[in-house]
Amino acid sequence: MIDAPYDPATESTYECLECGHLVTATSNPGTCPECNVCYRNTAMPLE
């Protein structure tokens, strides 16, 4: 398996860990405006 090359201009989907609100952005948007909880990148597995 080969990793895809990193491109900082590529948008990723981020999901709020509390309410599930989704945002598409090029970098982590910080905290959810609806519940003030951190977003997580959905491309990264939860472990």
PDB file of N, CA and C in Angstrom:
ATOM      1  N   MET A   1       0.846  -1.165   0.000  1.00  0.00           N
ATOM      2  CA  MET A   1       0.000   0.000   0.000  1.00  0.00           C
ATOM      3  C   MET A   1       0.897   1.235   0.000  1.00  0.00           C
ATOM      4  N   ILE A   2       0.541   2.225  -0.809  1.00  0.00           N
ATOM      5  CA  ILE A   2       1.321   3.448  -0.921  1.00  0.00           C
ATOM      6  C   ILE A   2       0.487   4.609  -0.392  1.00  0.00           C
ATOM      7  N   ASP A   3       1.109   5.434   0.443  1.00  0.00           N
ATOM      8  CA  ASP A   3       0.423   6.617   0.958  1.00  0.00           C
ATOM      9  C   ASP A   3       0.263   7.655  -0.149  1.00  0.00           C
ATOM     10  N   ALA A   4      -0.855   8.376  -0.117  1.00  0.00           N
ATOM     11  CA  ALA A   4      -1.067   9.468  -1.060  1.00  0.00           C
ATOM     12  C   ALA A   4      -0.155  10.622  -0.675  1.00  0.00           C
ATOM     13  N   PRO A   5       0.358  11.344  -1.643  1.00  0.00           N
ATOM     14  CA  PRO A   5       1.225  12.484  -1.309  1.00  0.00           C
ATOM     15  C   PRO A   5       0.434  13.556  -0.561  1.00  0.00           C
ATOM     16  N   TYR A   6       1.088  14.215   0.384  1.00  0.00           N
ATOM     17  CA  TYR A   6       0.451  15.250   1.185  1.00  0.00           C
ATOM     18  C   TYR A   6       0.332  16.531   0.377  1.00  0.00           C
ATOM     19  N   ASP A   7      -0.853  17.100   0.328  1.00  0.00           N
ATOM     20  CA  ASP A   7      -1.095  18.371  -0.350  1.00  0.00           C
ATOM     21  C   ASP A   7      -1.854  19.272   0.617  1.00  0.00           C
ATOM     22  N   PRO A   8      -1.212  20.306   1.184  1.00  0.00           N
ATOM     23  CA  PRO A   8      -1.858  21.154   2.176  1.00  0.00           C
ATOM     24  C   PRO A   8      -3.054  21.920   1.647  1.00  0.00           C
ATOM     25  N   ALA A   9      -3.194  22.051   0.327  1.00  0.00           N
ATOM     26  CA  ALA A   9      -4.329  22.770  -0.244  1.00  0.00           C
ATOM     27  C   ALA A   9      -5.572  21.883  -0.380  1.00  0.00           C
ATOM     28  N   THR A  10      -5.414  20.588  -0.149  1.00  0.00           N
ATOM     29  CA  THR A  10      -6.538  19.667  -0.258  1.00  0.00           C
ATOM     30  C   THR A  10      -7.460  19.827   0.942  1.00  0.00           C
ATOM     31  N   GLU A  11      -8.758  19.910   0.656  1.00  0.00           N
ATOM     32  CA  GLU A  11      -9.722  20.049   1.743  1.00  0.00           C
ATOM     33  C   GLU A  11     -10.040  18.691   2.353  1.00  0.00           C
ATOM     34  N   SER A  12     -10.245  18.671   3.654  1.00  0.00           N
ATOM     35  CA  SER A  12     -10.637  17.470   4.384  1.00  0.00           C
ATOM     36  C   SER A  12     -11.955  17.745   5.087  1.00  0.00           C
ATOM     37  N   THR A  13     -12.629  16.686   5.450  1.00  0.00           N
ATOM     38  CA  THR A  13     -13.865  16.826   6.204  1.00  0.00           C
ATOM     39  C   THR A  13     -13.563  16.636   7.678  1.00  0.00           C
ATOM     40  N   TYR A  14     -14.064  17.551   8.494  1.00  0.00           N
ATOM     41  CA  TYR A  14     -13.893  17.511   9.943  1.00  0.00           C
ATOM     42  C   TYR A  14     -15.257  17.338  10.583  1.00  0.00           C
ATOM     43  N   GLU A  15     -15.319  16.503  11.637  1.00  0.00           N
ATOM     44  CA  GLU A  15     -16.569  16.208  12.320  1.00  0.00           C
ATOM     45  C   GLU A  15     -16.454  16.566  13.799  1.00  0.00           C
ATOM     46  N   CYS A  16     -17.499  17.179  14.337  1.00  0.00           N
ATOM     47  CA  CYS A  16     -17.543  17.489  15.766  1.00  0.00           C
ATOM     48  C   CYS A  16     -17.695  16.179  16.535  1.00  0.00           C
ATOM     49  N   LEU A  17     -16.899  16.001  17.570  1.00  0.00           N
ATOM     50  CA  LEU A  17     -16.949  14.774  18.367  1.00  0.00           C
ATOM     51  C   LEU A  17     -18.222  14.675  19.207  1.00  0.00           C
ATOM     52  N   GLU A  18     -18.902  15.791  19.452  1.00  0.00           N
ATOM     53  CA  GLU A  18     -20.090  15.798  20.300  1.00  0.00           C
ATOM     54  C   GLU A  18     -21.397  15.714  19.506  1.00  0.00           C
ATOM     55  N   CYS A  19     -21.612  16.650  18.567  1.00  0.00           N
ATOM     56  CA  CYS A  19     -22.910  16.731  17.883  1.00  0.00           C
ATOM     57  C   CYS A  19     -22.897  16.204  16.457  1.00  0.00           C
ATOM     58  N   GLY A  20     -21.707  15.926  15.898  1.00  0.00           N
ATOM     59  CA  GLY A  20     -21.624  15.374  14.551  1.00  0.00           C
ATOM     60  C   GLY A  20     -21.646  16.416  13.443  1.00  0.00           C
ATOM     61  N   HIS A  21     -21.581  17.705  13.773  1.00  0.00           N
ATOM     62  CA  HIS A  21     -21.561  18.774  12.774  1.00  0.00           C
ATOM     63  C   HIS A  21     -20.348  18.587  11.872  1.00  0.00           C
ATOM     64  N   LEU A  22     -20.544  18.685  10.532  1.00  0.00           N
ATOM     65  CA  LEU A  22     -19.458  18.486   9.574  1.00  0.00           C
ATOM     66  C   LEU A  22     -19.023  19.802   8.951  1.00  0.00           C
ATOM     67  N   VAL A  23     -17.700  19.938   8.725  1.00  0.00           N
ATOM     68  CA  VAL A  23     -17.116  21.111   8.098  1.00  0.00           C
ATOM     69  C   VAL A  23     -16.048  20.626   7.125  1.00  0.00           C
ATOM     70  N   THR A  24     -15.954  21.264   5.960  1.00  0.00           N
ATOM     71  CA  THR A  24     -14.878  20.970   5.022  1.00  0.00           C
ATOM     72  C   THR A  24     -13.916  22.137   5.051  1.00  0.00           C
ATOM     73  N   ALA A  25     -12.618  21.846   5.279  1.00  0.00           N
ATOM     74  CA  ALA A  25     -11.620  22.901   5.402  1.00  0.00           C
ATOM     75  C   ALA A  25     -10.238  22.356   5.042  1.00  0.00           C
ATOM     76  N   THR A  26      -9.291  23.273   4.813  1.00  0.00           N
ATOM     77  CA  THR A  26      -7.917  22.862   4.504  1.00  0.00           C
ATOM     78  C   THR A  26      -7.088  22.638   5.759  1.00  0.00           C
ATOM     79  N   SER A  27      -7.549  23.148   6.915  1.00  0.00           N
ATOM     80  CA  SER A  27      -6.876  22.898   8.193  1.00  0.00           C
ATOM     81  C   SER A  27      -7.942  22.757   9.275  1.00  0.00           C
ATOM     82  N   ASN A  28      -7.538  22.234  10.417  1.00  0.00           N
ATOM     83  CA  ASN A  28      -8.504  21.995  11.487  1.00  0.00           C
ATOM     84  C   ASN A  28      -9.202  23.306  11.879  1.00  0.00           C
ATOM     85  N   PRO A  29     -10.542  23.332  11.824  1.00  0.00           N
ATOM     86  CA  PRO A  29     -11.279  24.558  12.118  1.00  0.00           C
ATOM     87  C   PRO A  29     -11.373  24.906  13.594  1.00  0.00           C
ATOM     88  N   GLY A  30     -10.815  24.095  14.473  1.00  0.00           N
ATOM     89  CA  GLY A  30     -10.819  24.409  15.911  1.00  0.00           C
ATOM     90  C   GLY A  30     -11.990  23.770  16.633  1.00  0.00           C
ATOM     91  N   THR A  31     -12.922  24.585  17.106  1.00  0.00           N
ATOM     92  CA  THR A  31     -14.056  24.055  17.857  1.00  0.00           C
ATOM     93  C   THR A  31     -15.371  24.321  17.126  1.00  0.00           C
ATOM     94  N   CYS A  32     -16.337  23.487  17.393  1.00  0.00           N
ATOM     95  CA  CYS A  32     -17.657  23.558  16.778  1.00  0.00           C
ATOM     96  C   CYS A  32     -18.404  24.797  17.281  1.00  0.00           C
ATOM     97  N   PRO A  33     -18.990  25.584  16.370  1.00  0.00           N
ATOM     98  CA  PRO A  33     -19.742  26.753  16.794  1.00  0.00           C
ATOM     99  C   PRO A  33     -21.058  26.398  17.484  1.00  0.00           C
ATOM    100  N   GLU A  34     -21.528  25.153  17.293  1.00  0.00           N
ATOM    101  CA  GLU A  34     -22.798  24.739  17.873  1.00  0.00           C
ATOM    102  C   GLU A  34     -22.668  24.253  19.313  1.00  0.00           C
ATOM    103  N   CYS A  35     -21.567  23.551  19.639  1.00  0.00           N
ATOM    104  CA  CYS A  35     -21.445  22.994  20.993  1.00  0.00           C
ATOM    105  C   CYS A  35     -20.069  23.219  21.630  1.00  0.00           C
ATOM    106  N   ASN A  36     -19.151  23.905  20.916  1.00  0.00           N
ATOM    107  CA  ASN A  36     -17.838  24.283  21.452  1.00  0.00           C
ATOM    108  C   ASN A  36     -16.944  23.083  21.802  1.00  0.00           C
ATOM    109  N   VAL A  37     -17.044  22.008  21.002  1.00  0.00           N
ATOM    110  CA  VAL A  37     -16.212  20.815  21.180  1.00  0.00           C
ATOM    111  C   VAL A  37     -15.272  20.720  19.978  1.00  0.00           C
ATOM    112  N   CYS A  38     -14.090  20.140  20.154  1.00  0.00           N
ATOM    113  CA  CYS A  38     -13.092  20.042  19.085  1.00  0.00           C
ATOM    114  C   CYS A  38     -13.573  19.187  17.911  1.00  0.00           C
ATOM    115  N   TYR A  39     -13.137  19.596  16.708  1.00  0.00           N
ATOM    116  CA  TYR A  39     -13.395  18.807  15.497  1.00  0.00           C
ATOM    117  C   TYR A  39     -12.311  17.756  15.353  1.00  0.00           C
ATOM    118  N   ARG A  40     -12.636  16.694  14.607  1.00  0.00           N
ATOM    119  CA  ARG A  40     -11.624  15.677  14.260  1.00  0.00           C
ATOM    120  C   ARG A  40     -11.669  15.465  12.759  1.00  0.00           C
ATOM    121  N   ASN A  41     -10.528  15.156  12.174  1.00  0.00           N
ATOM    122  CA  ASN A  41     -10.439  14.888  10.758  1.00  0.00           C
ATOM    123  C   ASN A  41     -11.005  13.491  10.514  1.00  0.00           C
ATOM    124  N   THR A  42     -12.023  13.381   9.663  1.00  0.00           N
ATOM    125  CA  THR A  42     -12.660  12.089   9.434  1.00  0.00           C
ATOM    126  C   THR A  42     -11.770  11.138   8.633  1.00  0.00           C
ATOM    127  N   ALA A  43     -10.697  11.650   8.011  1.00  0.00           N
ATOM    128  CA  ALA A  43      -9.766  10.784   7.271  1.00  0.00           C
ATOM    129  C   ALA A  43      -8.846  10.018   8.215  1.00  0.00           C
ATOM    130  N   MET A  44      -8.762  10.445   9.464  1.00  0.00           N
ATOM    131  CA  MET A  44      -7.911   9.780  10.448  1.00  0.00           C
ATOM    132  C   MET A  44      -8.743   8.783  11.251  1.00  0.00           C
ATOM    133  N   PRO A  45      -8.282   7.539  11.391  1.00  0.00           N
ATOM    134  CA  PRO A  45      -9.058   6.538  12.123  1.00  0.00           C
ATOM    135  C   PRO A  45      -9.105   6.839  13.633  1.00  0.00           C
ATOM    136  N   LEU A  46     -10.222   6.482  14.258  1.00  0.00           N
ATOM    137  CA  LEU A  46     -10.337   6.590  15.717  1.00  0.00           C
ATOM    138  C   LEU A  46      -9.710   5.354  16.327  1.00  0.00           C
ATOM    139  N   GLU A  47      -8.874   5.534  17.326  1.00  0.00           N
ATOM    140  CA  GLU A  47      -8.258   4.388  17.992  1.00  0.00           C
ATOM    141  C   GLU A  47      -8.340   4.549  19.467  1.00  0.00           C
TER     142      GLU A  47
END
